[in-house]
All heavy atoms as atom14 arrays in JSON, in Angstrom:
{
  "sequence": "PVMSVSPEDGRMIRLLTEALGAKHAVEIGTST",
  "atom14_mask": [
    [1, 1, 1, 1, 1, 1, 1, 0, 0, 0, 0, 0, 0, 0],
    [1, 1, 1, 1, 1, 1, 1, 0, 0, 0, 0, 0, 0, 0],
    [1, 1, 1, 1, 1, 1, 1, 1, 0, 0, 0, 0, 0, 0],
    [1, 1, 1, 1, 1, 1, 0, 0, 0, 0, 0, 0, 0, 0],
    [1, 1, 1, 1, 1, 1, 1, 0, 0, 0, 0, 0, 0, 0],
    [1, 1, 1, 1, 1, 1, 0, 0, 0, 0, 0, 0, 0, 0],
    [1, 1, 1, 1, 1, 1, 1, 0, 0, 0, 0, 0, 0, 0],
    [1, 1, 1, 1, 1, 1, 1, 1, 1, 0, 0, 0, 0, 0],
    [1, 1, 1, 1, 1, 1, 1, 1, 0, 0, 0, 0, 0, 0],
    [1, 1, 1, 1, 0, 0, 0, 0, 0, 0, 0, 0, 0, 0],
    [1, 1, 1, 1, 1, 1, 1, 1, 1, 1, 1, 0, 0, 0],
    [1, 1, 1, 1, 1, 1, 1, 1, 0, 0, 0, 0, 0, 0],
    [1, 1, 1, 1, 1, 1, 1, 1, 0, 0, 0, 0, 0, 0],
    [1, 1, 1, 1, 1, 1, 1, 1, 1, 1, 1, 0, 0, 0],
    [1, 1, 1, 1, 1, 1, 1, 1, 0, 0, 0, 0, 0, 0],
    [1, 1, 1, 1, 1, 1, 1, 1, 0, 0, 0, 0, 0, 0],
    [1, 1, 1, 1, 1, 1, 1, 0, 0, 0, 0, 0, 0, 0],
    [1, 1, 1, 1, 1, 1, 1, 1, 1, 0, 0, 0, 0, 0],
    [1, 1, 1, 1, 1, 0, 0, 0, 0, 0, 0, 0, 0, 0],
    [1, 1, 1, 1, 1, 1, 1, 1, 0, 0, 0, 0, 0, 0],
    [1, 1, 1, 1, 0, 0, 0, 0, 0, 0, 0, 0, 0, 0],
    [1, 1, 1, 1, 1, 0, 0, 0, 0, 0, 0, 0, 0, 0],
    [1, 1, 1, 1, 1, 1, 1, 1, 1, 0, 0, 0, 0, 0],
    [1, 1, 1, 1, 1, 1, 1, 1, 1, 1, 0, 0, 0, 0],
    [1, 1, 1, 1, 1, 0, 0, 0, 0, 0, 0, 0, 0, 0],
    [1, 1, 1, 1, 1, 1, 1, 0, 0, 0, 0, 0, 0, 0],
    [1, 1, 1, 1, 1, 1, 1, 1, 1, 0, 0, 0, 0, 0],
    [1, 1, 1, 1, 1, 1, 1, 1, 0, 0, 0, 0, 0, 0],
    [1, 1, 1, 1, 0, 0, 0, 0, 0, 0, 0, 0, 0, 0],
    [1, 1, 1, 1, 1, 1, 1, 0, 0, 0, 0, 0, 0, 0],
    [1, 1, 1, 1, 1, 1, 0, 0, 0, 0, 0, 0, 0, 0],
    [1, 1, 1, 1, 1, 1, 1, 0, 0, 0, 0, 0, 0, 0]
  ],
  "atom14_positions": [
    [[0.74, -1.18, 0.04], [-0.09, 0.06, 0.0], [0.81, 1.29, -0.02], [0.99, 2.01, 1.03], [-0.78, -0.08, 1.3], [0.1, -0.95, 2.17], [0.76, -1.92, 1.34], [0.0, 0.0, 0.0], [0.0, 0.0, 0.0], [0.0, 0.0, 0.0], [0.0, 0.0, 0.0], [0.0, 0.0, 0.0], [0.0, 0.0, 0.0], [0.0, 0.0, 0.0]],
    [[1.45, 1.63, -1.15], [2.34, 2.78, -1.24], [1.43, 3.97, -1.94], [1.2, 3.82, -3.15], [3.53, 2.45, -2.0], [4.32, 3.77, -2.2], [4.37, 1.39, -1.36], [0.0, 0.0, 0.0], [0.0, 0.0, 0.0], [0.0, 0.0, 0.0], [0.0, 0.0, 0.0], [0.0, 0.0, 0.0], [0.0, 0.0, 0.0], [0.0, 0.0, 0.0]],
    [[1.01, 4.87, -1.13], [0.21, 5.95, -1.71], [-0.88, 5.53, -2.55], [-1.21, 6.04, -3.64], [1.13, 6.95, -2.5], [2.21, 7.56, -1.65], [3.16, 8.7, -2.61], [4.07, 7.73, -3.66], [0.0, 0.0, 0.0], [0.0, 0.0, 0.0], [0.0, 0.0, 0.0], [0.0, 0.0, 0.0], [0.0, 0.0, 0.0], [0.0, 0.0, 0.0]],
    [[-1.59, 4.44, -2.11], [-2.7, 3.91, -3.01], [-4.1, 4.23, -2.39], [-4.22, 4.75, -1.23], [-2.65, 2.37, -3.04], [-2.64, 1.84, -1.73], [0.0, 0.0, 0.0], [0.0, 0.0, 0.0], [0.0, 0.0, 0.0], [0.0, 0.0, 0.0], [0.0, 0.0, 0.0], [0.0, 0.0, 0.0], [0.0, 0.0, 0.0], [0.0, 0.0, 0.0]],
    [[-5.09, 4.08, -3.2], [-6.46, 4.45, -2.82], [-6.92, 3.27, -1.8], [-6.39, 2.31, -1.7], [-7.52, 4.49, -3.96], [-6.88, 5.58, -4.93], [-7.55, 3.07, -4.64], [0.0, 0.0, 0.0], [0.0, 0.0, 0.0], [0.0, 0.0, 0.0], [0.0, 0.0, 0.0], [0.0, 0.0, 0.0], [0.0, 0.0, 0.0], [0.0, 0.0, 0.0]],
    [[-8.12, 3.59, -1.14], [-8.7, 2.58, -0.31], [-9.42, 1.49, -1.19], [-9.71, 1.79, -2.3], [-9.78, 3.25, 0.55], [-10.88, 3.74, -0.2], [0.0, 0.0, 0.0], [0.0, 0.0, 0.0], [0.0, 0.0, 0.0], [0.0, 0.0, 0.0], [0.0, 0.0, 0.0], [0.0, 0.0, 0.0], [0.0, 0.0, 0.0], [0.0, 0.0, 0.0]],
    [[-9.76, 0.39, -0.63], [-10.58, -0.54, -1.39], [-11.93, 0.1, -1.8], [-12.37, -0.31, -3.01], [-10.76, -1.73, -0.44], [-9.6, -1.6, 0.39], [-9.32, -0.15, 0.66], [0.0, 0.0, 0.0], [0.0, 0.0, 0.0], [0.0, 0.0, 0.0], [0.0, 0.0, 0.0], [0.0, 0.0, 0.0], [0.0, 0.0, 0.0], [0.0, 0.0, 0.0]],
    [[-12.54, 0.83, -1.0], [-13.76, 1.44, -1.4], [-13.64, 2.27, -2.53], [-14.48, 2.25, -3.59], [-14.35, 2.22, -0.16], [-14.78, 1.43, 0.86], [-13.72, 1.02, 1.9], [-12.61, 1.41, 1.59], [-13.99, 0.48, 2.91], [0.0, 0.0, 0.0], [0.0, 0.0, 0.0], [0.0, 0.0, 0.0], [0.0, 0.0, 0.0], [0.0, 0.0, 0.0]],
    [[-12.65, 3.19, -2.62], [-12.33, 3.9, -3.85], [-11.97, 3.17, -5.07], [-12.39, 3.45, -6.23], [-11.34, 4.97, -3.59], [-11.79, 6.1, -2.6], [-13.06, 6.24, -2.53], [-10.91, 6.8, -2.12], [0.0, 0.0, 0.0], [0.0, 0.0, 0.0], [0.0, 0.0, 0.0], [0.0, 0.0, 0.0], [0.0, 0.0, 0.0], [0.0, 0.0, 0.0]],
    [[-11.17, 1.99, -4.83], [-10.91, 1.22, -5.91], [-12.06, 0.56, -6.56], [-12.33, 0.37, -7.84], [0.0, 0.0, 0.0], [0.0, 0.0, 0.0], [0.0, 0.0, 0.0], [0.0, 0.0, 0.0], [0.0, 0.0, 0.0], [0.0, 0.0, 0.0], [0.0, 0.0, 0.0], [0.0, 0.0, 0.0], [0.0, 0.0, 0.0], [0.0, 0.0, 0.0]],
    [[-13.0, 0.13, -5.73], [-14.29, -0.52, -6.2], [-15.01, 0.48, -7.02], [-15.74, 0.07, -7.99], [-15.02, -1.11, -5.07], [-14.36, -2.2, -4.42], [-15.1, -2.69, -3.19], [-16.23, -3.7, -3.58], [-17.0, -4.28, -2.74], [-16.88, -4.12, -1.45], [-18.04, -5.01, -3.1], [0.0, 0.0, 0.0], [0.0, 0.0, 0.0], [0.0, 0.0, 0.0]],
    [[-15.07, 1.79, -6.54], [-15.79, 2.85, -7.3], [-15.08, 3.02, -8.61], [-15.89, 3.21, -9.67], [-15.91, 4.12, -6.48], [-16.66, 5.21, -7.22], [-16.86, 6.69, -6.24], [-15.04, 7.23, -6.22], [0.0, 0.0, 0.0], [0.0, 0.0, 0.0], [0.0, 0.0, 0.0], [0.0, 0.0, 0.0], [0.0, 0.0, 0.0], [0.0, 0.0, 0.0]],
    [[-13.91, 2.99, -8.76], [-13.16, 3.19, -10.1], [-13.53, 2.02, -10.98], [-13.97, 2.27, -12.04], [-11.57, 3.1, -9.8], [-11.13, 4.34, -9.15], [-10.9, 2.84, -11.18], [-9.63, 4.35, -8.72], [0.0, 0.0, 0.0], [0.0, 0.0, 0.0], [0.0, 0.0, 0.0], [0.0, 0.0, 0.0], [0.0, 0.0, 0.0], [0.0, 0.0, 0.0]],
    [[-13.62, 0.83, -10.52], [-14.14, -0.32, -11.28], [-15.48, -0.23, -11.74], [-15.94, -0.35, -12.99], [-13.96, -1.63, -10.51], [-14.2, -2.95, -11.32], [-15.66, -3.42, -11.16], [-16.02, -4.53, -12.06], [-15.73, -5.8, -11.55], [-15.3, -6.11, -10.38], [-16.07, -6.72, -12.47], [0.0, 0.0, 0.0], [0.0, 0.0, 0.0], [0.0, 0.0, 0.0]],
    [[-16.39, 0.26, -10.83], [-17.81, 0.31, -11.08], [-18.13, 1.46, -12.15], [-18.75, 1.2, -13.15], [-18.52, 0.79, -9.79], [-20.18, 0.96, -9.79], [-20.58, 0.62, -8.38], [-20.57, 2.24, -10.24], [0.0, 0.0, 0.0], [0.0, 0.0, 0.0], [0.0, 0.0, 0.0], [0.0, 0.0, 0.0], [0.0, 0.0, 0.0], [0.0, 0.0, 0.0]],
    [[-17.43, 2.59, -12.02], [-17.56, 3.7, -13.04], [-17.06, 3.29, -14.39], [-17.54, 3.57, -15.4], [-16.9, 4.99, -12.54], [-17.57, 5.55, -11.19], [-16.84, 6.8, -10.77], [-19.14, 5.92, -11.53], [0.0, 0.0, 0.0], [0.0, 0.0, 0.0], [0.0, 0.0, 0.0], [0.0, 0.0, 0.0], [0.0, 0.0, 0.0], [0.0, 0.0, 0.0]],
    [[-15.79, 2.71, -14.26], [-15.24, 2.2, -15.69], [-16.02, 1.36, -16.38], [-16.29, 1.59, -17.68], [-13.88, 1.7, -15.27], [-12.99, 2.61, -14.64], [-13.15, 1.17, -16.55], [0.0, 0.0, 0.0], [0.0, 0.0, 0.0], [0.0, 0.0, 0.0], [0.0, 0.0, 0.0], [0.0, 0.0, 0.0], [0.0, 0.0, 0.0], [0.0, 0.0, 0.0]],
    [[-16.66, 0.4, -15.68], [-17.43, -0.63, -16.4], [-18.71, -0.1, -16.84], [-19.22, -0.3, -17.86], [-17.58, -1.96, -15.51], [-18.15, -3.03, -16.25], [-18.0, -4.42, -15.41], [-17.2, -4.52, -14.66], [-18.85, -5.3, -15.6], [0.0, 0.0, 0.0], [0.0, 0.0, 0.0], [0.0, 0.0, 0.0], [0.0, 0.0, 0.0], [0.0, 0.0, 0.0]],
    [[-19.4, 0.65, -15.93], [-20.7, 1.21, -16.33], [-20.56, 2.25, -17.38], [-21.52, 2.32, -18.24], [-21.18, 1.94, -15.0], [0.0, 0.0, 0.0], [0.0, 0.0, 0.0], [0.0, 0.0, 0.0], [0.0, 0.0, 0.0], [0.0, 0.0, 0.0], [0.0, 0.0, 0.0], [0.0, 0.0, 0.0], [0.0, 0.0, 0.0], [0.0, 0.0, 0.0]],
    [[-19.44, 2.95, -17.63], [-19.2, 3.85, -18.62], [-18.9, 3.15, -19.95], [-19.01, 3.82, -21.05], [-18.01, 4.81, -18.24], [-17.81, 6.13, -18.91], [-19.04, 6.93, -18.72], [-16.53, 6.83, -18.45], [0.0, 0.0, 0.0], [0.0, 0.0, 0.0], [0.0, 0.0, 0.0], [0.0, 0.0, 0.0], [0.0, 0.0, 0.0], [0.0, 0.0, 0.0]],
    [[-18.63, 1.9, -19.88], [-18.21, 1.18, -21.08], [-16.89, 1.73, -21.6], [-16.67, 1.74, -22.86], [0.0, 0.0, 0.0], [0.0, 0.0, 0.0], [0.0, 0.0, 0.0], [0.0, 0.0, 0.0], [0.0, 0.0, 0.0], [0.0, 0.0, 0.0], [0.0, 0.0, 0.0], [0.0, 0.0, 0.0], [0.0, 0.0, 0.0], [0.0, 0.0, 0.0]],
    [[-15.92, 2.06, -20.71], [-14.73, 2.69, -21.12], [-13.86, 1.91, -22.06], [-13.62, 0.76, -21.71], [-13.94, 3.13, -19.84], [0.0, 0.0, 0.0], [0.0, 0.0, 0.0], [0.0, 0.0, 0.0], [0.0, 0.0, 0.0], [0.0, 0.0, 0.0], [0.0, 0.0, 0.0], [0.0, 0.0, 0.0], [0.0, 0.0, 0.0], [0.0, 0.0, 0.0]],
    [[-13.32, 2.51, -22.97], [-12.45, 1.86, -23.9], [-10.98, 2.37, -23.71], [-10.0, 1.58, -24.0], [-12.78, 2.13, -25.43], [-14.07, 1.46, -25.76], [-14.03, -0.05, -25.68], [-15.34, -0.62, -26.23], [-15.33, -2.12, -26.15], [0.0, 0.0, 0.0], [0.0, 0.0, 0.0], [0.0, 0.0, 0.0], [0.0, 0.0, 0.0], [0.0, 0.0, 0.0]],
    [[-10.85, 3.56, -23.29], [-9.54, 4.24, -22.94], [-9.59, 4.98, -21.58], [-10.21, 6.01, -21.4], [-9.25, 5.27, -24.11], [-7.82, 5.76, -24.02], [-7.33, 6.86, -24.63], [-6.69, 5.3, -23.12], [-6.15, 7.12, -24.43], [-5.76, 6.21, -23.53], [0.0, 0.0, 0.0], [0.0, 0.0, 0.0], [0.0, 0.0, 0.0], [0.0, 0.0, 0.0]],
    [[-8.83, 4.5, -20.72], [-8.7, 4.96, -19.35], [-7.25, 5.53, -19.15], [-6.35, 4.95, -19.71], [-8.95, 3.93, -18.27], [0.0, 0.0, 0.0], [0.0, 0.0, 0.0], [0.0, 0.0, 0.0], [0.0, 0.0, 0.0], [0.0, 0.0, 0.0], [0.0, 0.0, 0.0], [0.0, 0.0, 0.0], [0.0, 0.0, 0.0], [0.0, 0.0, 0.0]],
    [[-7.16, 6.67, -18.44], [-5.83, 7.27, -18.23], [-5.74, 7.56, -16.7], [-6.66, 8.08, -16.11], [-5.61, 8.53, -18.95], [-4.36, 9.26, -18.55], [-5.64, 8.28, -20.43], [0.0, 0.0, 0.0], [0.0, 0.0, 0.0], [0.0, 0.0, 0.0], [0.0, 0.0, 0.0], [0.0, 0.0, 0.0], [0.0, 0.0, 0.0], [0.0, 0.0, 0.0]],
    [[-4.6, 6.99, -16.2], [-4.3, 7.35, -14.7], [-3.03, 7.98, -14.66], [-2.04, 7.74, -15.22], [-4.11, 5.91, -14.12], [-3.74, 6.04, -12.63], [-3.67, 4.64, -11.94], [-3.03, 3.88, -12.48], [-4.26, 4.47, -10.92], [0.0, 0.0, 0.0], [0.0, 0.0, 0.0], [0.0, 0.0, 0.0], [0.0, 0.0, 0.0], [0.0, 0.0, 0.0]],
    [[-3.07, 9.12, -13.67], [-1.86, 9.79, -13.44], [-1.53, 9.49, -11.97], [-2.11, 9.87, -11.06], [-2.11, 11.37, -13.5], [-2.81, 11.7, -14.88], [-0.7, 12.07, -13.4], [-1.87, 11.28, -16.08], [0.0, 0.0, 0.0], [0.0, 0.0, 0.0], [0.0, 0.0, 0.0], [0.0, 0.0, 0.0], [0.0, 0.0, 0.0], [0.0, 0.0, 0.0]],
    [[-0.35, 8.65, -11.89], [0.09, 8.18, -10.47], [-0.24, 6.76, -10.36], [-1.09, 6.34, -9.64], [0.0, 0.0, 0.0], [0.0, 0.0, 0.0], [0.0, 0.0, 0.0], [0.0, 0.0, 0.0], [0.0, 0.0, 0.0], [0.0, 0.0, 0.0], [0.0, 0.0, 0.0], [0.0, 0.0, 0.0], [0.0, 0.0, 0.0], [0.0, 0.0, 0.0]],
    [[0.55, 5.95, -11.0], [0.43, 4.53, -10.89], [0.79, 4.03, -9.56], [0.05, 3.0, -9.14], [1.38, 3.81, -11.9], [1.46, 4.45, -13.16], [1.03, 2.29, -12.08], [0.0, 0.0, 0.0], [0.0, 0.0, 0.0], [0.0, 0.0, 0.0], [0.0, 0.0, 0.0], [0.0, 0.0, 0.0], [0.0, 0.0, 0.0], [0.0, 0.0, 0.0]],
    [[1.72, 4.5, -8.82], [2.34, 3.89, -7.68], [2.56, 2.4, -7.87], [3.28, 2.11, -8.95], [1.29, 4.1, -6.5], [1.87, 3.7, -5.25], [0.0, 0.0, 0.0], [0.0, 0.0, 0.0], [0.0, 0.0, 0.0], [0.0, 0.0, 0.0], [0.0, 0.0, 0.0], [0.0, 0.0, 0.0], [0.0, 0.0, 0.0], [0.0, 0.0, 0.0]],
    [[2.14, 1.52, -7.04], [2.54, 0.14, -7.23], [1.45, -0.65, -7.93], [1.46, -1.95, -7.98], [2.78, -0.52, -5.86], [1.81, -0.26, -5.0], [4.04, 0.06, -5.29], [0.0, 0.0, 0.0], [0.0, 0.0, 0.0], [0.0, 0.0, 0.0], [0.0, 0.0, 0.0], [0.0, 0.0, 0.0], [0.0, 0.0, 0.0], [0.0, 0.0, 0.0]]
  ]
}
Protein backbone atom coordinates (compact mmCIF):
# COMPACT_ATOMS: atom_id res chain seq x y z
CA PRO A 1 0.00 0.00 0.00
CA VAL A 2 2.28 2.80 -1.24
CA MET A 3 0.21 5.97 -1.71
CA SER A 4 -2.71 3.88 -2.94
CA VAL A 5 -6.46 4.37 -2.74
CA SER A 6 -8.73 2.58 -0.31
CA PRO A 7 -10.55 -0.58 -1.41
CA GLU A 8 -13.78 1.44 -1.40
CA ASP A 9 -12.37 3.96 -3.86
CA GLY A 10 -10.88 1.15 -5.93
CA ARG A 11 -14.25 -0.50 -6.22
CA MET A 12 -15.78 2.79 -7.28
CA ILE A 13 -13.15 3.11 -10.02
CA ARG A 14 -14.07 -0.33 -11.30
CA LEU A 15 -17.80 0.38 -11.07
CA LEU A 16 -17.59 3.66 -12.99
CA THR A 17 -15.19 2.28 -15.60
CA GLU A 18 -17.38 -0.68 -16.40
CA ALA A 19 -20.66 1.26 -16.25
CA LEU A 20 -19.21 3.86 -18.61
CA GLY A 21 -18.19 1.18 -21.09
CA ALA A 22 -14.74 2.75 -21.09
CA LYS A 23 -12.37 1.85 -23.92
CA HIS A 24 -9.54 4.23 -22.96
CA ALA A 25 -8.71 5.00 -19.35
CA VAL A 26 -5.86 7.26 -18.23
CA GLU A 27 -4.32 7.28 -14.75
CA ILE A 28 -1.85 9.83 -13.41
CA GLY A 29 0.05 8.26 -10.52
CA THR A 30 0.44 4.49 -10.94
CA SER A 31 2.29 3.91 -7.67
CA THR A 32 2.55 0.12 -7.25
